[in-house]
Amino acid sequence: MDLRRFFDRAIRASFHDLALPGDPAAPYLGDLLTRFVRIENLFPRGTSVPRLETVVDMMLEAQGAWDVDSPDFRPEHEVSVRRHIGDYTLFMTGIFPERVERTSATSFYISQGKPSTHARGHATQPLPTGDSPSASRATPASSTTPAASTSLTRPPTPSSGCSSTDRRVSRLGNRVAGLD
């Protein structure tokens, strides 16, 4: 039995025991657990730091994606990083709550993870794990969840729904237009 099927069965059984059969979170959790079995998916390579091992590292990576003067300028990368923050904080608080509590970071993890789940509707790719920061940017998502069929492009609305992202896009537009 492959690992993904093992997690899917275990999660479905747990959800059934909790009277939540068919819960749409089950495939997402199976995907999350399967991805994070590999350490390079839990702590992927970054562009601002060699390896993203803490939530602060991940936040710096998201911020660095907007550095216009950097060769790593990729605003769309923020979506992937924010998704990873949400996945990472959910994983750590759910699987290793003692570690998170020991570092007194539970409320910080929750405060950073909640807004990051907003990016879930727009992000489908896990963070790159290859030798170069963009090594697997084009790798298709392995998830079978409905979100896996969406793309990394912004929705066709004037607002991304994330106020910090909208402010950054506005500032970037002003800089490019010479208004800033």
N, C-alpha and C. Protein backbone atom coordinates (compact mmCIF):
# COMPACT_ATOMS: atom_id res chain seq x y z
N MET A 1 0.86 -1.18 0.00
CA MET A 1 0.00 0.00 0.00
C MET A 1 0.90 1.23 0.00
N ASP A 2 0.61 2.18 -0.89
CA ASP A 2 1.42 3.38 -0.91
C ASP A 2 1.01 4.31 0.24
N LEU A 3 1.90 5.23 0.54
CA LEU A 3 1.73 6.11 1.70
C LEU A 3 0.50 7.00 1.57
N ARG A 4 0.25 7.52 0.39
CA ARG A 4 -0.91 8.40 0.19
C ARG A 4 -2.20 7.65 0.49
N ARG A 5 -2.31 6.43 -0.01
CA ARG A 5 -3.52 5.63 0.24
C ARG A 5 -3.66 5.31 1.73
N PHE A 6 -2.51 5.05 2.38
CA PHE A 6 -2.54 4.80 3.83
C PHE A 6 -3.13 6.00 4.58
N PHE A 7 -2.60 7.20 4.29
CA PHE A 7 -3.11 8.40 4.96
C PHE A 7 -4.58 8.65 4.62
N ASP A 8 -4.95 8.48 3.37
CA ASP A 8 -6.35 8.67 2.98
C ASP A 8 -7.28 7.76 3.77
N ARG A 9 -6.91 6.49 3.87
CA ARG A 9 -7.75 5.53 4.62
C ARG A 9 -7.81 5.89 6.10
N ALA A 10 -6.67 6.23 6.68
CA ALA A 10 -6.63 6.56 8.11
C ALA A 10 -7.46 7.82 8.40
N ILE A 11 -7.36 8.80 7.53
CA ILE A 11 -8.11 10.05 7.74
C ILE A 11 -9.60 9.81 7.54
N ARG A 12 -9.95 9.07 6.49
CA ARG A 12 -11.39 8.77 6.27
C ARG A 12 -11.97 8.01 7.45
N ALA A 13 -11.20 7.04 7.99
CA ALA A 13 -11.68 6.28 9.15
C ALA A 13 -11.85 7.19 10.36
N SER A 14 -10.90 8.08 10.57
CA SER A 14 -11.00 9.02 11.70
C SER A 14 -12.19 9.95 11.52
N PHE A 15 -12.38 10.47 10.33
CA PHE A 15 -13.52 11.35 10.07
C PHE A 15 -14.83 10.60 10.23
N HIS A 16 -14.85 9.35 9.82
CA HIS A 16 -16.06 8.53 9.99
C HIS A 16 -16.36 8.35 11.49
N ASP A 17 -15.31 8.07 12.27
CA ASP A 17 -15.48 7.93 13.72
C ASP A 17 -15.99 9.22 14.36
N LEU A 18 -15.65 10.34 13.77
CA LEU A 18 -16.09 11.63 14.29
C LEU A 18 -17.42 12.08 13.67
N ALA A 19 -18.06 11.19 12.94
CA ALA A 19 -19.33 11.46 12.26
C ALA A 19 -19.18 12.57 11.22
N LEU A 20 -18.04 12.56 10.52
CA LEU A 20 -17.78 13.53 9.46
C LEU A 20 -17.44 12.82 8.14
N PRO A 21 -18.19 11.80 7.75
CA PRO A 21 -17.83 11.09 6.52
C PRO A 21 -17.96 12.01 5.30
N GLY A 22 -17.06 11.86 4.36
CA GLY A 22 -17.10 12.66 3.15
C GLY A 22 -16.68 14.10 3.34
N ASP A 23 -16.04 14.44 4.45
CA ASP A 23 -15.60 15.81 4.69
C ASP A 23 -14.59 16.21 3.62
N PRO A 24 -14.75 17.37 3.00
CA PRO A 24 -13.83 17.79 1.94
C PRO A 24 -12.40 18.05 2.42
N ALA A 25 -12.19 18.14 3.71
CA ALA A 25 -10.83 18.36 4.22
C ALA A 25 -10.00 17.08 4.17
N ALA A 26 -10.64 15.92 4.07
CA ALA A 26 -9.91 14.65 4.10
C ALA A 26 -8.86 14.54 2.99
N PRO A 27 -9.18 14.79 1.73
CA PRO A 27 -8.14 14.68 0.69
C PRO A 27 -7.01 15.69 0.89
N TYR A 28 -7.35 16.89 1.34
CA TYR A 28 -6.33 17.91 1.59
C TYR A 28 -5.38 17.43 2.69
N LEU A 29 -5.92 16.89 3.77
CA LEU A 29 -5.07 16.41 4.87
C LEU A 29 -4.21 15.23 4.42
N GLY A 30 -4.76 14.34 3.61
CA GLY A 30 -3.97 13.23 3.08
C GLY A 30 -2.82 13.73 2.24
N ASP A 31 -3.08 14.73 1.41
CA ASP A 31 -2.04 15.33 0.59
C ASP A 31 -0.98 16.00 1.46
N LEU A 32 -1.42 16.74 2.46
CA LEU A 32 -0.51 17.44 3.36
C LEU A 32 0.41 16.45 4.07
N LEU A 33 -0.15 15.41 4.65
CA LEU A 33 0.67 14.42 5.36
C LEU A 33 1.63 13.70 4.42
N THR A 34 1.17 13.38 3.23
CA THR A 34 2.04 12.70 2.27
C THR A 34 3.19 13.61 1.83
N ARG A 35 2.90 14.88 1.57
CA ARG A 35 3.95 15.81 1.17
C ARG A 35 4.98 16.01 2.27
N PHE A 36 4.51 16.15 3.50
CA PHE A 36 5.42 16.49 4.60
C PHE A 36 6.17 15.28 5.16
N VAL A 37 5.96 14.11 4.61
CA VAL A 37 6.79 12.97 4.99
C VAL A 37 8.23 13.24 4.56
N ARG A 38 8.39 13.91 3.45
CA ARG A 38 9.72 14.24 2.93
C ARG A 38 10.18 15.57 3.54
N ILE A 39 11.33 15.56 4.16
CA ILE A 39 11.85 16.72 4.87
C ILE A 39 12.04 17.92 3.94
N GLU A 40 12.39 17.68 2.67
CA GLU A 40 12.58 18.80 1.76
C GLU A 40 11.27 19.48 1.41
N ASN A 41 10.15 18.84 1.66
CA ASN A 41 8.85 19.49 1.47
C ASN A 41 8.42 20.24 2.73
N LEU A 42 8.82 19.74 3.89
CA LEU A 42 8.51 20.42 5.14
C LEU A 42 9.37 21.68 5.30
N PHE A 43 10.64 21.55 4.95
CA PHE A 43 11.59 22.67 5.03
C PHE A 43 12.21 22.90 3.65
N PRO A 44 11.48 23.51 2.72
CA PRO A 44 11.99 23.68 1.36
C PRO A 44 13.11 24.72 1.29
N ARG A 45 13.83 24.69 0.18
CA ARG A 45 14.86 25.69 -0.07
C ARG A 45 14.20 27.04 -0.30
N GLY A 46 14.90 28.08 0.09
CA GLY A 46 14.38 29.43 -0.10
C GLY A 46 15.33 30.26 -0.94
N THR A 47 14.89 31.46 -1.25
CA THR A 47 15.77 32.39 -1.96
C THR A 47 16.36 33.41 -0.99
N SER A 48 15.62 33.73 0.09
CA SER A 48 16.12 34.70 1.07
C SER A 48 16.97 34.03 2.14
N VAL A 49 16.72 32.78 2.41
CA VAL A 49 17.52 31.97 3.34
C VAL A 49 17.69 30.60 2.68
N PRO A 50 18.77 29.87 3.02
CA PRO A 50 19.01 28.59 2.35
C PRO A 50 17.87 27.57 2.49
N ARG A 51 17.29 27.49 3.68
CA ARG A 51 16.22 26.53 3.90
C ARG A 51 15.18 27.19 4.80
N LEU A 52 13.91 27.03 4.45
CA LEU A 52 12.83 27.64 5.22
C LEU A 52 12.45 26.71 6.37
N GLU A 53 13.03 26.98 7.55
CA GLU A 53 12.84 26.09 8.70
C GLU A 53 11.92 26.67 9.77
N THR A 54 11.64 27.96 9.70
CA THR A 54 10.76 28.58 10.70
C THR A 54 9.70 29.41 9.98
N VAL A 55 8.66 29.75 10.68
CA VAL A 55 7.62 30.60 10.10
C VAL A 55 8.21 31.96 9.75
N VAL A 56 9.12 32.45 10.56
CA VAL A 56 9.76 33.74 10.27
C VAL A 56 10.55 33.65 8.97
N ASP A 57 11.29 32.55 8.75
CA ASP A 57 11.99 32.35 7.49
C ASP A 57 11.02 32.40 6.32
N MET A 58 9.87 31.76 6.50
CA MET A 58 8.86 31.72 5.43
C MET A 58 8.27 33.10 5.17
N MET A 59 8.08 33.88 6.24
CA MET A 59 7.56 35.23 6.08
C MET A 59 8.58 36.11 5.34
N LEU A 60 9.87 35.94 5.65
CA LEU A 60 10.92 36.69 4.95
C LEU A 60 10.96 36.29 3.47
N GLU A 61 10.74 35.02 3.21
CA GLU A 61 10.71 34.54 1.82
C GLU A 61 9.55 35.18 1.06
N ALA A 62 8.38 35.24 1.69
CA ALA A 62 7.21 35.87 1.05
C ALA A 62 7.48 37.34 0.78
N GLN A 63 8.09 38.02 1.74
CA GLN A 63 8.40 39.44 1.57
C GLN A 63 9.45 39.62 0.47
N GLY A 64 10.45 38.73 0.43
CA GLY A 64 11.51 38.83 -0.57
C GLY A 64 11.03 38.62 -1.99
N ALA A 65 9.90 37.96 -2.15
CA ALA A 65 9.36 37.74 -3.49
C ALA A 65 8.98 39.05 -4.16
N TRP A 66 8.82 40.11 -3.36
CA TRP A 66 8.40 41.42 -3.88
C TRP A 66 9.56 42.39 -4.04
N ASP A 67 10.79 41.96 -3.83
CA ASP A 67 11.95 42.83 -3.96
C ASP A 67 12.24 43.07 -5.44
N VAL A 68 11.84 44.23 -5.94
CA VAL A 68 11.95 44.56 -7.36
C VAL A 68 13.40 44.52 -7.83
N ASP A 69 14.33 44.85 -6.96
CA ASP A 69 15.74 44.93 -7.34
C ASP A 69 16.44 43.57 -7.27
N SER A 70 15.75 42.53 -6.87
CA SER A 70 16.34 41.22 -6.73
C SER A 70 16.16 40.39 -8.00
N PRO A 71 17.14 39.54 -8.31
CA PRO A 71 16.95 38.63 -9.45
C PRO A 71 15.87 37.58 -9.15
N ASP A 72 15.50 37.45 -7.89
CA ASP A 72 14.46 36.50 -7.48
C ASP A 72 13.09 37.15 -7.39
N PHE A 73 12.91 38.31 -8.02
CA PHE A 73 11.63 39.02 -8.01
C PHE A 73 10.58 38.15 -8.70
N ARG A 74 9.65 37.62 -7.90
CA ARG A 74 8.56 36.80 -8.41
C ARG A 74 7.37 36.98 -7.47
N PRO A 75 6.56 37.99 -7.67
CA PRO A 75 5.43 38.23 -6.77
C PRO A 75 4.51 37.02 -6.64
N GLU A 76 4.36 36.23 -7.69
CA GLU A 76 3.49 35.05 -7.62
C GLU A 76 4.03 34.00 -6.65
N HIS A 77 5.33 34.07 -6.36
CA HIS A 77 5.95 33.13 -5.41
C HIS A 77 5.37 33.33 -4.00
N GLU A 78 4.92 34.55 -3.70
CA GLU A 78 4.34 34.80 -2.38
C GLU A 78 3.15 33.88 -2.12
N VAL A 79 2.35 33.61 -3.14
CA VAL A 79 1.18 32.75 -2.98
C VAL A 79 1.61 31.36 -2.53
N SER A 80 2.63 30.81 -3.18
CA SER A 80 3.14 29.49 -2.80
C SER A 80 3.69 29.49 -1.38
N VAL A 81 4.40 30.55 -1.04
CA VAL A 81 4.98 30.63 0.30
C VAL A 81 3.87 30.75 1.35
N ARG A 82 2.87 31.58 1.08
CA ARG A 82 1.76 31.72 2.03
C ARG A 82 1.01 30.40 2.20
N ARG A 83 0.84 29.68 1.10
CA ARG A 83 0.20 28.37 1.20
C ARG A 83 1.03 27.46 2.10
N HIS A 84 2.35 27.50 1.90
CA HIS A 84 3.22 26.66 2.72
C HIS A 84 3.15 27.05 4.19
N ILE A 85 3.06 28.34 4.48
CA ILE A 85 2.93 28.79 5.87
C ILE A 85 1.68 28.19 6.48
N GLY A 86 0.55 28.26 5.77
CA GLY A 86 -0.69 27.69 6.28
C GLY A 86 -0.58 26.19 6.49
N ASP A 87 0.00 25.47 5.53
CA ASP A 87 0.16 24.02 5.64
C ASP A 87 1.10 23.67 6.79
N TYR A 88 2.22 24.39 6.87
CA TYR A 88 3.22 24.12 7.90
C TYR A 88 2.66 24.36 9.30
N THR A 89 1.98 25.49 9.48
CA THR A 89 1.45 25.79 10.82
C THR A 89 0.35 24.80 11.21
N LEU A 90 -0.49 24.40 10.26
CA LEU A 90 -1.50 23.38 10.55
C LEU A 90 -0.84 22.06 10.92
N PHE A 91 0.15 21.66 10.15
CA PHE A 91 0.86 20.41 10.40
C PHE A 91 1.54 20.42 11.78
N MET A 92 2.27 21.48 12.06
CA MET A 92 3.02 21.53 13.32
C MET A 92 2.09 21.61 14.53
N THR A 93 1.03 22.41 14.45
CA THR A 93 0.13 22.50 15.61
C THR A 93 -0.71 21.25 15.77
N GLY A 94 -0.96 20.52 14.67
CA GLY A 94 -1.75 19.30 14.76
C GLY A 94 -0.95 18.06 15.10
N ILE A 95 0.24 17.94 14.55
CA ILE A 95 1.05 16.74 14.74
C ILE A 95 2.05 16.90 15.88
N PHE A 96 2.62 18.08 16.05
CA PHE A 96 3.62 18.33 17.08
C PHE A 96 3.22 19.49 17.99
N PRO A 97 2.03 19.44 18.60
CA PRO A 97 1.58 20.58 19.41
C PRO A 97 2.50 20.86 20.60
N GLU A 98 3.11 19.82 21.16
CA GLU A 98 3.99 20.03 22.31
C GLU A 98 5.19 20.90 21.93
N ARG A 99 5.75 20.66 20.74
CA ARG A 99 6.89 21.46 20.29
C ARG A 99 6.48 22.92 20.10
N VAL A 100 5.32 23.14 19.48
CA VAL A 100 4.85 24.50 19.26
C VAL A 100 4.56 25.18 20.59
N GLU A 101 3.93 24.46 21.52
CA GLU A 101 3.62 25.03 22.84
C GLU A 101 4.89 25.30 23.63
N ARG A 102 5.88 24.41 23.51
CA ARG A 102 7.14 24.57 24.25
C ARG A 102 7.85 25.85 23.83
N THR A 103 7.72 26.23 22.59
CA THR A 103 8.35 27.47 22.12
C THR A 103 7.41 28.67 22.27
N SER A 104 6.28 28.46 22.92
CA SER A 104 5.29 29.52 23.15
C SER A 104 4.85 30.17 21.84
N ALA A 105 4.73 29.37 20.80
CA ALA A 105 4.43 29.92 19.49
C ALA A 105 3.03 29.57 18.98
N THR A 106 2.20 28.95 19.79
CA THR A 106 0.89 28.50 19.31
C THR A 106 0.07 29.65 18.75
N SER A 107 -0.08 30.74 19.50
CA SER A 107 -0.90 31.85 19.00
C SER A 107 -0.25 32.49 17.76
N PHE A 108 1.09 32.54 17.70
CA PHE A 108 1.78 33.07 16.53
C PHE A 108 1.51 32.18 15.31
N TYR A 109 1.60 30.85 15.49
CA TYR A 109 1.35 29.93 14.39
C TYR A 109 -0.08 30.09 13.88
N ILE A 110 -1.01 30.21 14.79
CA ILE A 110 -2.41 30.37 14.39
C ILE A 110 -2.61 31.70 13.68
N SER A 111 -2.01 32.77 14.20
CA SER A 111 -2.18 34.09 13.58
C SER A 111 -1.56 34.14 12.18
N GLN A 112 -0.50 33.40 11.95
CA GLN A 112 0.13 33.39 10.63
C GLN A 112 -0.52 32.37 9.70
N GLY A 113 -1.01 31.28 10.26
CA GLY A 113 -1.61 30.22 9.44
C GLY A 113 -2.97 30.57 8.91
N LYS A 114 -3.79 31.27 9.69
CA LYS A 114 -5.15 31.61 9.25
C LYS A 114 -5.16 32.45 7.97
N PRO A 115 -4.44 33.58 7.93
CA PRO A 115 -4.47 34.35 6.68
C PRO A 115 -3.85 33.59 5.51
N SER A 116 -2.91 32.71 5.80
CA SER A 116 -2.24 31.97 4.74
C SER A 116 -3.17 30.97 4.07
N THR A 117 -4.18 30.53 4.77
CA THR A 117 -5.12 29.61 4.14
C THR A 117 -5.96 30.31 3.10
N HIS A 118 -6.02 31.65 3.12
CA HIS A 118 -6.73 32.39 2.08
C HIS A 118 -6.07 32.15 0.72
N ALA A 119 -4.75 32.00 0.73
CA ALA A 119 -4.03 31.78 -0.52
C ALA A 119 -4.34 30.42 -1.11
N ARG A 120 -4.92 29.54 -0.35
CA ARG A 120 -5.20 28.17 -0.80
C ARG A 120 -6.02 28.15 -2.08
N GLY A 121 -6.96 29.03 -2.23
CA GLY A 121 -7.79 29.03 -3.43
C GLY A 121 -7.02 29.43 -4.68
N HIS A 122 -5.88 30.08 -4.52
CA HIS A 122 -5.11 30.55 -5.67
C HIS A 122 -3.86 29.73 -5.90
N ALA A 123 -3.38 28.99 -4.91
CA ALA A 123 -2.12 28.26 -5.05
C ALA A 123 -2.37 26.79 -5.20
N THR A 124 -1.63 26.17 -6.10
CA THR A 124 -1.77 24.74 -6.27
C THR A 124 -0.44 24.03 -6.19
N GLN A 125 0.66 24.77 -6.26
CA GLN A 125 1.98 24.17 -6.30
C GLN A 125 2.63 24.23 -4.93
N PRO A 126 3.25 23.12 -4.50
CA PRO A 126 4.06 23.21 -3.29
C PRO A 126 5.31 24.03 -3.59
N LEU A 127 6.00 24.48 -2.57
CA LEU A 127 7.23 25.23 -2.79
C LEU A 127 8.25 24.37 -3.49
N PRO A 128 9.10 24.97 -4.32
CA PRO A 128 10.14 24.20 -5.00
C PRO A 128 11.05 23.53 -3.99
N THR A 129 11.54 22.33 -4.34
CA THR A 129 12.41 21.59 -3.43
C THR A 129 13.73 21.22 -4.08
N GLY A 130 13.92 21.54 -5.36
CA GLY A 130 15.15 21.18 -6.06
C GLY A 130 16.31 22.04 -5.65
N ASP A 131 17.43 21.87 -6.35
CA ASP A 131 18.63 22.62 -6.03
C ASP A 131 18.47 24.11 -6.31
N SER A 132 17.73 24.47 -7.35
CA SER A 132 17.52 25.89 -7.58
C SER A 132 16.16 26.27 -7.05
N PRO A 133 16.00 27.53 -6.61
CA PRO A 133 14.73 27.94 -6.02
C PRO A 133 13.55 27.78 -6.96
N SER A 134 13.77 27.79 -8.25
CA SER A 134 12.64 27.66 -9.17
C SER A 134 12.59 26.29 -9.82
N ALA A 135 13.31 25.30 -9.26
CA ALA A 135 13.46 24.00 -9.89
C ALA A 135 12.14 23.31 -10.20
N SER A 136 11.20 23.36 -9.30
CA SER A 136 9.96 22.62 -9.56
C SER A 136 8.77 23.54 -9.69
N ARG A 137 9.00 24.78 -10.08
CA ARG A 137 7.89 25.72 -10.20
C ARG A 137 6.84 25.21 -11.18
N ALA A 138 7.26 24.50 -12.21
CA ALA A 138 6.31 24.05 -13.22
C ALA A 138 5.83 22.63 -12.97
N THR A 139 6.25 22.02 -11.87
CA THR A 139 5.82 20.67 -11.57
C THR A 139 4.35 20.66 -11.24
N PRO A 140 3.56 19.76 -11.83
CA PRO A 140 2.13 19.75 -11.53
C PRO A 140 1.87 19.31 -10.10
N ALA A 141 0.81 19.81 -9.53
CA ALA A 141 0.44 19.45 -8.17
C ALA A 141 0.00 18.00 -8.16
N SER A 142 0.33 17.30 -7.05
CA SER A 142 -0.04 15.89 -6.95
C SER A 142 -1.36 15.72 -6.25
N SER A 143 -1.97 16.80 -5.85
CA SER A 143 -3.22 16.72 -5.12
C SER A 143 -4.38 16.39 -6.03
N THR A 144 -5.36 15.69 -5.48
CA THR A 144 -6.57 15.40 -6.23
C THR A 144 -7.71 16.25 -5.73
N THR A 145 -7.40 17.26 -4.94
CA THR A 145 -8.44 18.14 -4.42
C THR A 145 -8.91 19.08 -5.52
N PRO A 146 -10.10 19.64 -5.38
CA PRO A 146 -10.59 20.56 -6.40
C PRO A 146 -9.66 21.74 -6.62
N ALA A 147 -8.94 22.19 -5.60
CA ALA A 147 -8.04 23.33 -5.75
C ALA A 147 -6.91 23.03 -6.72
N ALA A 148 -6.61 21.74 -6.93
CA ALA A 148 -5.50 21.37 -7.80
C ALA A 148 -5.76 21.75 -9.25
N SER A 149 -6.99 22.01 -9.62
CA SER A 149 -7.27 22.36 -11.00
C SER A 149 -7.18 23.87 -11.24
N THR A 150 -6.98 24.67 -10.20
CA THR A 150 -6.86 26.11 -10.39
C THR A 150 -5.42 26.44 -10.73
N SER A 151 -5.17 27.64 -11.19
CA SER A 151 -3.81 28.03 -11.55
C SER A 151 -3.28 29.06 -10.57
N LEU A 152 -2.01 29.38 -10.72
CA LEU A 152 -1.38 30.35 -9.84
C LEU A 152 -1.70 31.78 -10.23
N THR A 153 -2.41 31.99 -11.31
CA THR A 153 -2.73 33.34 -11.72
C THR A 153 -3.79 33.93 -10.82
N ARG A 154 -3.79 35.24 -10.74
CA ARG A 154 -4.79 35.92 -9.91
C ARG A 154 -6.16 35.72 -10.51
N PRO A 155 -7.20 35.71 -9.68
CA PRO A 155 -8.56 35.63 -10.22
C PRO A 155 -8.85 36.88 -11.04
N PRO A 156 -9.81 36.82 -11.97
CA PRO A 156 -10.07 37.96 -12.84
C PRO A 156 -10.87 39.07 -12.17
N THR A 157 -10.49 39.40 -10.95
CA THR A 157 -11.14 40.48 -10.23
C THR A 157 -10.10 41.54 -9.92
N PRO A 158 -10.50 42.78 -9.69
CA PRO A 158 -9.52 43.82 -9.42
C PRO A 158 -8.79 43.61 -8.10
N SER A 159 -9.34 42.85 -7.20
CA SER A 159 -8.74 42.63 -5.90
C SER A 159 -8.40 41.16 -5.74
N SER A 160 -7.25 40.87 -5.11
CA SER A 160 -6.89 39.49 -4.85
C SER A 160 -7.62 38.96 -3.63
N GLY A 161 -8.24 39.85 -2.86
CA GLY A 161 -8.90 39.43 -1.63
C GLY A 161 -7.97 39.46 -0.44
N CYS A 162 -6.72 39.72 -0.66
CA CYS A 162 -5.72 39.79 0.41
C CYS A 162 -5.20 41.21 0.44
N SER A 163 -5.52 41.95 1.49
CA SER A 163 -5.20 43.38 1.51
C SER A 163 -3.70 43.64 1.44
N SER A 164 -2.86 42.80 2.08
CA SER A 164 -1.42 43.04 2.02
C SER A 164 -0.90 42.83 0.61
N THR A 165 -1.41 41.83 -0.09
CA THR A 165 -1.00 41.59 -1.47
C THR A 165 -1.46 42.74 -2.36
N ASP A 166 -2.70 43.21 -2.17
CA ASP A 166 -3.21 44.32 -2.96
C ASP A 166 -2.37 45.58 -2.75
N ARG A 167 -1.96 45.85 -1.51
CA ARG A 167 -1.11 47.03 -1.24
C ARG A 167 0.22 46.89 -1.96
N ARG A 168 0.81 45.69 -1.93
CA ARG A 168 2.10 45.49 -2.59
C ARG A 168 1.97 45.65 -4.10
N VAL A 169 0.91 45.11 -4.68
CA VAL A 169 0.70 45.25 -6.12
C VAL A 169 0.53 46.72 -6.48
N SER A 170 -0.21 47.46 -5.68
CA SER A 170 -0.41 48.89 -5.93
C SER A 170 0.91 49.63 -5.84
N ARG A 171 1.72 49.34 -4.79
CA ARG A 171 3.02 50.00 -4.65
C ARG A 171 3.94 49.65 -5.82
N LEU A 172 3.92 48.39 -6.23
CA LEU A 172 4.75 47.96 -7.35
C LEU A 172 4.32 48.68 -8.62
N GLY A 173 3.02 48.77 -8.86
CA GLY A 173 2.51 49.50 -10.04
C GLY A 173 2.95 50.94 -10.02
N ASN A 174 2.90 51.57 -8.86
CA ASN A 174 3.34 52.96 -8.74
C ASN A 174 4.83 53.10 -9.02
N ARG A 175 5.63 52.13 -8.53
CA ARG A 175 7.08 52.19 -8.77
C ARG A 175 7.38 52.03 -10.24
N VAL A 176 6.71 51.07 -10.88
CA VAL A 176 6.95 50.84 -12.30
C VAL A 176 6.53 52.05 -13.12
N ALA A 177 5.41 52.67 -12.74
CA ALA A 177 4.91 53.84 -13.48
C ALA A 177 5.66 55.10 -13.12
N GLY A 178 6.57 55.05 -12.15
CA GLY A 178 7.35 56.21 -11.75
C GLY A 178 6.59 57.16 -10.85
N LEU A 179 5.51 56.68 -10.23
CA LEU A 179 4.70 57.53 -9.36
C LEU A 179 5.16 57.48 -7.91
N ASP A 180 6.06 56.59 -7.61
CA ASP A 180 6.48 56.40 -6.23
C ASP A 180 7.87 56.94 -6.01
